[in-house]
Amino acid sequence: MRALIAGLWFASTLATGTAVAQPFPFNEAGVTMGHWHIASRDVQANKKIFIAMGGTPVTGAEAVIFPGIRINLALGTAPGSGGSVGSSVNHVGFIVNNVQEQVAKWKAAGVTVLPGGNNRLDQAFVETPDGLRIEILEDKTQAMPIRHEHVHFSVPKADVPKAQAWYAKTFGGKAGTRNNAPIVDVPGGQLRFAAAETPQAPTKGRVLDHIGFDVRDLQAFIKKIEAEGIKLDEPYRKNEQTGTAITYITDPWGTRVELVQRPVAPSTR
């Protein structure tokens, strides 16, 4: 079912020319996975990598879209300092229909690919020159070549269940397990949690500066999370020309999170 939904999302993306691609449908809390935001040292080099991996460039923006995620490649003028490993988001992940076939294509296009753990053939890793670590996993039943799969958090061992509960409550996700490890499912991706042996750095200012969720009604969502004791990093603001509204929060373990309300596409009004 997730593959079918992803396929429909990708088809709608192509139909709109990627200018205003719509994310996965909102869950009951009005939330869906939105984006990763990279503070690239070399935007064009990163764009080349993601396009070679099957992403679609966004017209008029330094961004690339995959089913389930938008990757923004520039953040102001300052590049990030420090890779994802060592931060509260250790890595992010895609799932492909055949790891070895996709890896061969990517290598032919100049992408550096690292082998899976213990020489697993159904796993690989891509690490950008900036230090963003990306896990590649396999689902041979998947119709499309590639889609967004997960964000992997690294928090103190005692806080793993707390982080899982926080993300499930805050974003209306479904808590569960995968391979006996805690997860939270949200539309468009899975949030995974692992124990860190040493303190991890906040994401802000690093190459993966923040992750983002799209919300249906941002002002209503702000009221909800403020009632739960979550403070905004900055005030709500709306771009009247584009209709997009945003704010930021930081989770208790240092991950910066952007909350975005995008304008409704004309066809869905």
C-alpha atoms as a PDB file:
ATOM      1  CA  MET A   1       0.000   0.000   0.000  1.00  0.00           C
ATOM      2  CA  ARG A   2       2.833   2.427   0.863  1.00  0.00           C
ATOM      3  CA  ALA A   3       4.404   1.729  -2.542  1.00  0.00           C
ATOM      4  CA  LEU A   4       1.067   2.376  -4.275  1.00  0.00           C
ATOM      5  CA  ILE A   5       0.601   5.679  -2.466  1.00  0.00           C
ATOM      6  CA  ALA A   6       4.163   6.649  -3.272  1.00  0.00           C
ATOM      7  CA  GLY A   7       3.560   5.874  -6.922  1.00  0.00           C
ATOM      8  CA  LEU A   8       0.480   8.078  -7.000  1.00  0.00           C
ATOM      9  CA  TRP A   9       2.429  10.877  -5.292  1.00  0.00           C
ATOM     10  CA  PHE A  10       5.225  10.601  -7.853  1.00  0.00           C
ATOM     11  CA  ALA A  11       2.762  10.659 -10.742  1.00  0.00           C
ATOM     12  CA  SER A  12       1.152  13.817  -9.385  1.00  0.00           C
ATOM     13  CA  THR A  13       4.603  15.358  -9.031  1.00  0.00           C
ATOM     14  CA  LEU A  14       5.356  14.748 -12.685  1.00  0.00           C
ATOM     15  CA  ALA A  15       1.952  16.002 -13.728  1.00  0.00           C
ATOM     16  CA  THR A  16       2.551  19.357 -12.057  1.00  0.00           C
ATOM     17  CA  GLY A  17       6.008  19.782 -13.576  1.00  0.00           C
ATOM     18  CA  THR A  18       7.528  19.605 -10.060  1.00  0.00           C
ATOM     19  CA  ALA A  19       6.897  23.318  -9.529  1.00  0.00           C
ATOM     20  CA  VAL A  20       4.479  22.739  -6.643  1.00  0.00           C
ATOM     21  CA  ALA A  21       4.779  19.051  -5.830  1.00  0.00           C
ATOM     22  CA  GLN A  22       2.342  17.807  -3.214  1.00  0.00           C
ATOM     23  CA  PRO A  23       3.566  15.575  -0.374  1.00  0.00           C
ATOM     24  CA  PHE A  24       1.883  12.398   0.866  1.00  0.00           C
ATOM     25  CA  PRO A  25      -1.653  12.802   2.273  1.00  0.00           C
ATOM     26  CA  PHE A  26      -1.857  14.226   5.789  1.00  0.00           C
ATOM     27  CA  ASN A  27      -2.414  11.932   8.761  1.00  0.00           C
ATOM     28  CA  GLU A  28      -5.157  12.545  11.324  1.00  0.00           C
ATOM     29  CA  ALA A  29      -2.982  15.152  13.042  1.00  0.00           C
ATOM     30  CA  GLY A  30      -2.657  17.053   9.759  1.00  0.00           C
ATOM     31  CA  VAL A  31       1.016  16.147   9.296  1.00  0.00           C
ATOM     32  CA  THR A  32       3.083  14.618   6.490  1.00  0.00           C
ATOM     33  CA  MET A  33       6.818  14.288   5.872  1.00  0.00           C
ATOM     34  CA  GLY A  34       8.117  17.348   4.069  1.00  0.00           C
ATOM     35  CA  HIS A  35      11.809  17.902   3.472  1.00  0.00           C
ATOM     36  CA  TRP A  36      15.457  17.672   4.436  1.00  0.00           C
ATOM     37  CA  HIS A  37      17.284  20.991   4.347  1.00  0.00           C
ATOM     38  CA  ILE A  38      20.968  20.842   3.510  1.00  0.00           C
ATOM     39  CA  ALA A  39      23.358  23.759   3.943  1.00  0.00           C
ATOM     40  CA  SER A  40      25.500  22.672   0.989  1.00  0.00           C
ATOM     41  CA  ARG A  41      29.092  23.708   0.487  1.00  0.00           C
ATOM     42  CA  ASP A  42      28.605  22.979  -3.216  1.00  0.00           C
ATOM     43  CA  VAL A  43      24.961  23.111  -4.270  1.00  0.00           C
ATOM     44  CA  GLN A  44      25.537  22.000  -7.844  1.00  0.00           C
ATOM     45  CA  ALA A  45      27.667  19.011  -6.836  1.00  0.00           C
ATOM     46  CA  ASN A  46      24.965  17.847  -4.439  1.00  0.00           C
ATOM     47  CA  LYS A  47      22.247  18.426  -7.006  1.00  0.00           C
ATOM     48  CA  LYS A  48      24.164  16.278  -9.500  1.00  0.00           C
ATOM     49  CA  ILE A  49      24.331  13.426  -6.962  1.00  0.00           C
ATOM     50  CA  PHE A  50      20.614  13.495  -6.170  1.00  0.00           C
ATOM     51  CA  ILE A  51      19.568  13.740  -9.808  1.00  0.00           C
ATOM     52  CA  ALA A  52      21.835  10.788 -10.632  1.00  0.00           C
ATOM     53  CA  MET A  53      20.074   8.852  -7.862  1.00  0.00           C
ATOM     54  CA  GLY A  54      16.709   9.462  -9.520  1.00  0.00           C
ATOM     55  CA  GLY A  55      15.541  12.772  -8.100  1.00  0.00           C
ATOM     56  CA  THR A  56      13.717  15.393 -10.133  1.00  0.00           C
ATOM     57  CA  PRO A  57      15.033  18.977 -10.015  1.00  0.00           C
ATOM     58  CA  VAL A  58      12.558  21.652  -8.957  1.00  0.00           C
ATOM     59  CA  THR A  59      12.085  24.420 -11.483  1.00  0.00           C
ATOM     60  CA  GLY A  60      13.239  27.767 -10.131  1.00  0.00           C
ATOM     61  CA  ALA A  61      14.711  26.415  -6.888  1.00  0.00           C
ATOM     62  CA  GLU A  62      17.858  24.726  -5.641  1.00  0.00           C
ATOM     63  CA  ALA A  63      15.978  21.596  -4.704  1.00  0.00           C
ATOM     64  CA  VAL A  64      15.377  18.030  -5.816  1.00  0.00           C
ATOM     65  CA  ILE A  65      12.262  15.926  -5.256  1.00  0.00           C
ATOM     66  CA  PHE A  66      11.909  12.201  -4.615  1.00  0.00           C
ATOM     67  CA  PRO A  67       8.670  10.392  -3.778  1.00  0.00           C
ATOM     68  CA  GLY A  68       8.070  11.265  -0.132  1.00  0.00           C
ATOM     69  CA  ILE A  69      10.641  14.025   0.302  1.00  0.00           C
ATOM     70  CA  ARG A  70      11.898  17.336  -1.026  1.00  0.00           C
ATOM     71  CA  ILE A  71      15.600  18.040  -0.548  1.00  0.00           C
ATOM     72  CA  ASN A  72      16.439  21.728  -0.290  1.00  0.00           C
ATOM     73  CA  LEU A  73      20.109  22.206  -1.114  1.00  0.00           C
ATOM     74  CA  ALA A  74      20.884  25.753   0.001  1.00  0.00           C
ATOM     75  CA  LEU A  75      20.344  27.571   3.288  1.00  0.00           C
ATOM     76  CA  GLY A  76      21.190  31.250   3.020  1.00  0.00           C
ATOM     77  CA  THR A  77      24.842  31.923   2.240  1.00  0.00           C
ATOM     78  CA  ALA A  78      26.568  29.956   5.018  1.00  0.00           C
ATOM     79  CA  PRO A  79      27.488  26.315   4.327  1.00  0.00           C
ATOM     80  CA  GLY A  80      27.026  23.768   7.063  1.00  0.00           C
ATOM     81  CA  SER A  81      29.878  22.703   9.307  1.00  0.00           C
ATOM     82  CA  GLY A  82      29.869  19.035  10.273  1.00  0.00           C
ATOM     83  CA  GLY A  83      28.268  15.994   8.685  1.00  0.00           C
ATOM     84  CA  SER A  84      25.150  14.174   9.826  1.00  0.00           C
ATOM     85  CA  VAL A  85      27.120  11.518  11.727  1.00  0.00           C
ATOM     86  CA  GLY A  86      27.789  12.984  15.155  1.00  0.00           C
ATOM     87  CA  SER A  87      24.521  14.935  15.204  1.00  0.00           C
ATOM     88  CA  SER A  88      21.089  14.035  16.539  1.00  0.00           C
ATOM     89  CA  VAL A  89      20.144  12.939  12.996  1.00  0.00           C
ATOM     90  CA  ASN A  90      22.793  10.340  12.216  1.00  0.00           C
ATOM     91  CA  HIS A  91      21.587   9.635   8.688  1.00  0.00           C
ATOM     92  CA  VAL A  92      18.625   9.602   6.353  1.00  0.00           C
ATOM     93  CA  GLY A  93      17.473   6.841   4.034  1.00  0.00           C
ATOM     94  CA  PHE A  94      15.998   5.836   0.701  1.00  0.00           C
ATOM     95  CA  ILE A  95      14.527   2.510  -0.361  1.00  0.00           C
ATOM     96  CA  VAL A  96      15.038   1.176  -3.886  1.00  0.00           C
ATOM     97  CA  ASN A  97      13.654  -1.749  -5.863  1.00  0.00           C
ATOM     98  CA  ASN A  98      17.080  -3.327  -6.398  1.00  0.00           C
ATOM     99  CA  VAL A  99      20.146  -2.073  -4.553  1.00  0.00           C
ATOM    100  CA  GLN A 100      22.767  -3.613  -6.833  1.00  0.00           C
ATOM    101  CA  GLU A 101      21.097  -2.434 -10.053  1.00  0.00           C
ATOM    102  CA  GLN A 102      20.581   1.109  -8.756  1.00  0.00           C
ATOM    103  CA  VAL A 103      24.106   1.302  -7.309  1.00  0.00           C
ATOM    104  CA  ALA A 104      25.579   0.278 -10.674  1.00  0.00           C
ATOM    105  CA  LYS A 105      23.673   3.117 -12.375  1.00  0.00           C
ATOM    106  CA  TRP A 106      24.732   5.653  -9.763  1.00  0.00           C
ATOM    107  CA  LYS A 107      28.389   4.659  -9.936  1.00  0.00           C
ATOM    108  CA  ALA A 108      28.272   4.970 -13.735  1.00  0.00           C
ATOM    109  CA  ALA A 109      26.985   8.532 -13.210  1.00  0.00           C
ATOM    110  CA  GLY A 110      29.869   9.360 -10.874  1.00  0.00           C
ATOM    111  CA  VAL A 111      28.200   8.853  -7.483  1.00  0.00           C
ATOM    112  CA  THR A 112      30.451   7.392  -4.785  1.00  0.00           C
ATOM    113  CA  VAL A 113      28.656   4.478  -3.120  1.00  0.00           C
ATOM    114  CA  LEU A 114      29.844   2.610  -0.024  1.00  0.00           C
ATOM    115  CA  PRO A 115      28.994  -1.066   0.600  1.00  0.00           C
ATOM    116  CA  GLY A 116      26.396  -2.264   3.061  1.00  0.00           C
ATOM    117  CA  GLY A 117      27.270  -3.520   6.510  1.00  0.00           C
ATOM    118  CA  ASN A 118      28.834  -7.009   6.612  1.00  0.00           C
ATOM    119  CA  ASN A 119      28.832  -6.925   2.802  1.00  0.00           C
ATOM    120  CA  ARG A 120      25.033  -6.976   2.659  1.00  0.00           C
ATOM    121  CA  LEU A 121      23.845  -6.844  -0.947  1.00  0.00           C
ATOM    122  CA  ASP A 122      20.475  -5.333   0.003  1.00  0.00           C
ATOM    123  CA  GLN A 123      22.067  -2.298   1.662  1.00  0.00           C
ATOM    124  CA  ALA A 124      24.464   0.455   0.609  1.00  0.00           C
ATOM    125  CA  PHE A 125      25.427   3.958   1.699  1.00  0.00           C
ATOM    126  CA  VAL A 126      25.962   7.230  -0.105  1.00  0.00           C
ATOM    127  CA  GLU A 127      27.865   9.956   1.702  1.00  0.00           C
ATOM    128  CA  THR A 128      27.916  13.356   0.045  1.00  0.00           C
ATOM    129  CA  PRO A 129      31.137  15.404  -0.006  1.00  0.00           C
ATOM    130  CA  ASP A 130      29.481  17.597   2.644  1.00  0.00           C
ATOM    131  CA  GLY A 131      29.059  14.618   4.984  1.00  0.00           C
ATOM    132  CA  LEU A 132      25.358  13.788   4.676  1.00  0.00           C
ATOM    133  CA  ARG A 133      25.100  10.027   5.220  1.00  0.00           C
ATOM    134  CA  ILE A 134      22.321   8.275   3.296  1.00  0.00           C
ATOM    135  CA  GLU A 135      21.365   4.652   3.847  1.00  0.00           C
ATOM    136  CA  ILE A 136      20.031   2.714   0.858  1.00  0.00           C
ATOM    137  CA  LEU A 137      17.759  -0.278   1.514  1.00  0.00           C
ATOM    138  CA  GLU A 138      15.863  -2.640  -0.770  1.00  0.00           C
ATOM    139  CA  ASP A 139      12.254  -3.622  -1.377  1.00  0.00           C
ATOM    140  CA  LYS A 140      11.998  -5.802  -4.471  1.00  0.00           C
ATOM    141  CA  THR A 141       8.196  -5.441  -4.476  1.00  0.00           C
ATOM    142  CA  GLN A 142       8.472  -1.675  -4.939  1.00  0.00           C
ATOM    143  CA  ALA A 143       7.261  -0.500  -8.335  1.00  0.00           C
ATOM    144  CA  MET A 144       9.292   2.705  -8.491  1.00  0.00           C
ATOM    145  CA  PRO A 145      13.105   2.813  -8.566  1.00  0.00           C
ATOM    146  CA  ILE A 146      13.527   4.921  -5.415  1.00  0.00           C
ATOM    147  CA  ARG A 147      11.561   6.712  -2.697  1.00  0.00           C
ATOM    148  CA  HIS A 148      12.188   8.350   0.642  1.00  0.00           C
ATOM    149  CA  GLU A 149      12.231   5.858   3.488  1.00  0.00           C
ATOM    150  CA  HIS A 150      13.483   7.153   6.829  1.00  0.00           C
ATOM    151  CA  VAL A 151      15.172   9.644   9.136  1.00  0.00           C
ATOM    152  CA  HIS A 152      17.407   7.979  11.742  1.00  0.00           C
ATOM    153  CA  PHE A 153      17.840   9.803  15.053  1.00  0.00           C
ATOM    154  CA  SER A 154      20.685   9.210  17.490  1.00  0.00           C
ATOM    155  CA  VAL A 155      19.875   9.985  21.137  1.00  0.00           C
ATOM    156  CA  PRO A 156      21.098   8.826  24.571  1.00  0.00           C
ATOM    157  CA  LYS A 157      20.049   5.234  25.301  1.00  0.00           C
ATOM    158  CA  ALA A 158      17.787   6.197  28.194  1.00  0.00           C
ATOM    159  CA  ASP A 159      16.016   8.699  25.945  1.00  0.00           C
ATOM    160  CA  VAL A 160      15.193   6.384  23.040  1.00  0.00           C
ATOM    161  CA  PRO A 161      11.664   5.560  24.295  1.00  0.00           C
ATOM    162  CA  LYS A 162      11.150   9.218  25.209  1.00  0.00           C
ATOM    163  CA  ALA A 163      12.111  10.352  21.696  1.00  0.00           C
ATOM    164  CA  GLN A 164       9.813   7.801  20.117  1.00  0.00           C
ATOM    165  CA  ALA A 165       6.924   8.942  22.327  1.00  0.00           C
ATOM    166  CA  TRP A 166       7.661  12.630  21.678  1.00  0.00           C
ATOM    167  CA  TYR A 167       7.565  12.268  17.890  1.00  0.00           C
ATOM    168  CA  ALA A 168       4.480  10.060  17.963  1.00  0.00           C
ATOM    169  CA  LYS A 169       2.591  12.539  20.148  1.00  0.00           C
ATOM    170  CA  THR A 170       3.818  15.728  18.476  1.00  0.00           C
ATOM    171  CA  PHE A 171       3.275  14.650  14.877  1.00  0.00           C
ATOM    172  CA  GLY A 172       0.476  12.126  15.247  1.00  0.00           C
ATOM    173  CA  GLY A 173       2.732   9.285  14.132  1.00  0.00           C
ATOM    174  CA  LYS A 174       2.189   5.582  14.713  1.00  0.00           C
ATOM    175  CA  ALA A 175       4.697   4.124  17.150  1.00  0.00           C
ATOM    176  CA  GLY A 176       5.950   0.612  16.527  1.00  0.00           C
ATOM    177  CA  THR A 177       9.051  -1.477  15.941  1.00  0.00           C
ATOM    178  CA  ARG A 178      11.158  -2.529  12.974  1.00  0.00           C
ATOM    179  CA  ASN A 179      13.672  -5.315  13.503  1.00  0.00           C
ATOM    180  CA  ASN A 180      12.978  -4.910  17.226  1.00  0.00           C
ATOM    181  CA  ALA A 181      13.996  -1.237  17.093  1.00  0.00           C
ATOM    182  CA  PRO A 182      11.614   1.662  17.899  1.00  0.00           C
ATOM    183  CA  ILE A 183      10.061   3.629  15.050  1.00  0.00           C
ATOM    184  CA  VAL A 184       7.325   6.154  14.345  1.00  0.00           C
ATOM    185  CA  ASP A 185       5.537   6.030  11.000  1.00  0.00           C
ATOM    186  CA  VAL A 186       4.341   9.260   9.395  1.00  0.00           C
ATOM    187  CA  PRO A 187       3.057   9.717   5.848  1.00  0.00           C
ATOM    188  CA  GLY A 188       6.010   9.790   3.473  1.00  0.00           C
ATOM    189  CA  GLY A 189       8.565   8.225   5.785  1.00  0.00           C
ATOM    190  CA  GLN A 190       9.586   6.484   8.952  1.00  0.00           C
ATOM    191  CA  LEU A 191      11.331   7.982  11.983  1.00  0.00           C
ATOM    192  CA  ARG A 192      13.834   5.605  13.592  1.00  0.00           C
ATOM    193  CA  PHE A 193      15.637   5.884  16.904  1.00  0.00           C
ATOM    194  CA  ALA A 194      18.997   4.462  17.969  1.00  0.00           C
ATOM    195  CA  ALA A 195      21.081   4.780  21.123  1.00  0.00           C
ATOM    196  CA  ALA A 196      24.119   7.061  21.016  1.00  0.00           C
ATOM    197  CA  GLU A 197      27.158   6.146  23.104  1.00  0.00           C
ATOM    198  CA  THR A 198      28.363   9.750  23.254  1.00  0.00           C
ATOM    199  CA  PRO A 199      26.577  13.137  23.318  1.00  0.00           C
ATOM    200  CA  GLN A 200      25.392  14.203  19.860  1.00  0.00           C
ATOM    201  CA  ALA A 201      25.500  17.729  18.440  1.00  0.00           C
ATOM    202  CA  PRO A 202      22.388  19.724  17.518  1.00  0.00           C
ATOM    203  CA  THR A 203      21.628  19.778  13.791  1.00  0.00           C
ATOM    204  CA  LYS A 204      21.414  23.559  13.401  1.00  0.00           C
ATOM    205  CA  GLY A 205      24.449  24.864  11.563  1.00  0.00           C
ATOM    206  CA  ARG A 206      25.509  21.448  10.275  1.00  0.00           C
ATOM    207  CA  VAL A 207      25.213  20.140   6.724  1.00  0.00           C
ATOM    208  CA  LEU A 208      21.785  18.642   7.516  1.00  0.00           C
ATOM    209  CA  ASP A 209      20.553  21.759   9.279  1.00  0.00           C
ATOM    210  CA  HIS A 210      16.994  20.578   9.804  1.00  0.00           C
ATOM    211  CA  ILE A 211      14.206  18.310   8.691  1.00  0.00           C
ATOM    212  CA  GLY A 212      10.718  19.511   7.856  1.00  0.00           C
ATOM    213  CA  PHE A 213       7.121  18.419   8.201  1.00  0.00           C
ATOM    214  CA  ASP A 214       4.249  19.832   6.185  1.00  0.00           C
ATOM    215  CA  VAL A 215       1.114  20.580   8.213  1.00  0.00           C
ATOM    216  CA  ARG A 216      -2.417  21.210   7.048  1.00  0.00           C
ATOM    217  CA  ASP A 217      -3.158  24.150   9.384  1.00  0.00           C
ATOM    218  CA  LEU A 218      -0.013  25.636  10.898  1.00  0.00           C
ATOM    219  CA  GLN A 219      -1.676  28.066  13.294  1.00  0.00           C
ATOM    220  CA  ALA A 220      -3.871  25.313  14.724  1.00  0.00           C
ATOM    221  CA  PHE A 221      -0.850  23.018  14.971  1.00  0.00           C
ATOM    222  CA  ILE A 222       1.111  25.704  16.822  1.00  0.00           C
ATOM    223  CA  LYS A 223      -1.687  26.017  19.380  1.00  0.00           C
ATOM    224  CA  LYS A 224      -1.607  22.244  19.893  1.00  0.00           C
ATOM    225  CA  ILE A 225       2.132  21.948  20.448  1.00  0.00           C
ATOM    226  CA  GLU A 226       2.336  25.072  22.613  1.00  0.00           C
ATOM    227  CA  ALA A 227      -0.345  23.531  24.830  1.00  0.00           C
ATOM    228  CA  GLU A 228       1.962  20.510  25.098  1.00  0.00           C
ATOM    229  CA  GLY A 229       4.794  22.746  26.307  1.00  0.00           C
ATOM    230  CA  ILE A 230       6.726  23.042  23.041  1.00  0.00           C
ATOM    231  CA  LYS A 231       8.175  26.483  22.377  1.00  0.00           C
ATOM    232  CA  LEU A 232       8.684  27.967  18.924  1.00  0.00           C
ATOM    233  CA  ASP A 233      12.209  28.914  17.881  1.00  0.00           C
ATOM    234  CA  GLU A 234      10.817  31.910  16.032  1.00  0.00           C
ATOM    235  CA  PRO A 235       7.386  33.481  15.426  1.00  0.00           C
ATOM    236  CA  TYR A 236       4.952  32.190  12.835  1.00  0.00           C
ATOM    237  CA  ARG A 237       5.357  33.979   9.537  1.00  0.00           C
ATOM    238  CA  LYS A 238       3.574  33.824   6.200  1.00  0.00           C
ATOM    239  CA  ASN A 239       4.730  34.852   2.750  1.00  0.00           C
ATOM    240  CA  GLU A 240       1.679  36.609   1.364  1.00  0.00           C
ATOM    241  CA  GLN A 241       2.918  36.279  -2.216  1.00  0.00           C
ATOM    242  CA  THR A 242       3.387  32.505  -2.148  1.00  0.00           C
ATOM    243  CA  GLY A 243       0.894  31.651   0.591  1.00  0.00           C
ATOM    244  CA  THR A 244       3.483  29.550   2.430  1.00  0.00           C
ATOM    245  CA  ALA A 245       3.658  29.831   6.234  1.00  0.00           C
ATOM    246  CA  ILE A 246       6.482  28.491   8.419  1.00  0.00           C
ATOM    247  CA  THR A 247       7.991  28.328  11.860  1.00  0.00           C
ATOM    248  CA  TYR A 248      10.641  26.195  13.607  1.00  0.00           C
ATOM    249  CA  ILE A 249      10.932  24.117  16.734  1.00  0.00           C
ATOM    250  CA  THR A 250      13.823  22.093  18.172  1.00  0.00           C
ATOM    251  CA  ASP A 251      13.205  18.680  19.678  1.00  0.00           C
ATOM    252  CA  PRO A 252      14.571  17.919  23.181  1.00  0.00           C
ATOM    253  CA  TRP A 253      17.629  16.187  21.636  1.00  0.00           C
ATOM    254  CA  GLY A 254      18.744  18.974  19.320  1.00  0.00           C
ATOM    255  CA  THR A 255      17.071  18.275  15.987  1.00  0.00           C
ATOM    256  CA  ARG A 256      15.812  21.458  14.359  1.00  0.00           C
ATOM    257  CA  VAL A 257      12.410  20.947  12.733  1.00  0.00           C
ATOM    258  CA  GLU A 258      10.697  23.248  10.272  1.00  0.00           C
ATOM    259  CA  LEU A 259       6.893  23.298  10.181  1.00  0.00           C
ATOM    260  CA  VAL A 260       5.451  24.338   6.840  1.00  0.00           C
ATOM    261  CA  GLN A 261       1.950  25.074   5.603  1.00  0.00           C
ATOM    262  CA  ARG A 262       1.931  25.222   1.828  1.00  0.00           C
ATOM    263  CA  PRO A 263      -0.804  26.758  -0.322  1.00  0.00           C
ATOM    264  CA  VAL A 264      -3.473  24.352  -1.487  1.00  0.00           C
ATOM    265  CA  ALA A 265      -3.036  23.330  -5.112  1.00  0.00           C
ATOM    266  CA  PRO A 266      -5.816  24.680  -7.383  1.00  0.00           C
ATOM    267  CA  SER A 267      -6.961  21.170  -8.333  1.00  0.00           C
ATOM    268  CA  THR A 268      -7.657  20.288  -4.668  1.00  0.00           C
ATOM    269  CA  ARG A 269      -9.537  23.425  -3.697  1.00  0.00           C
END
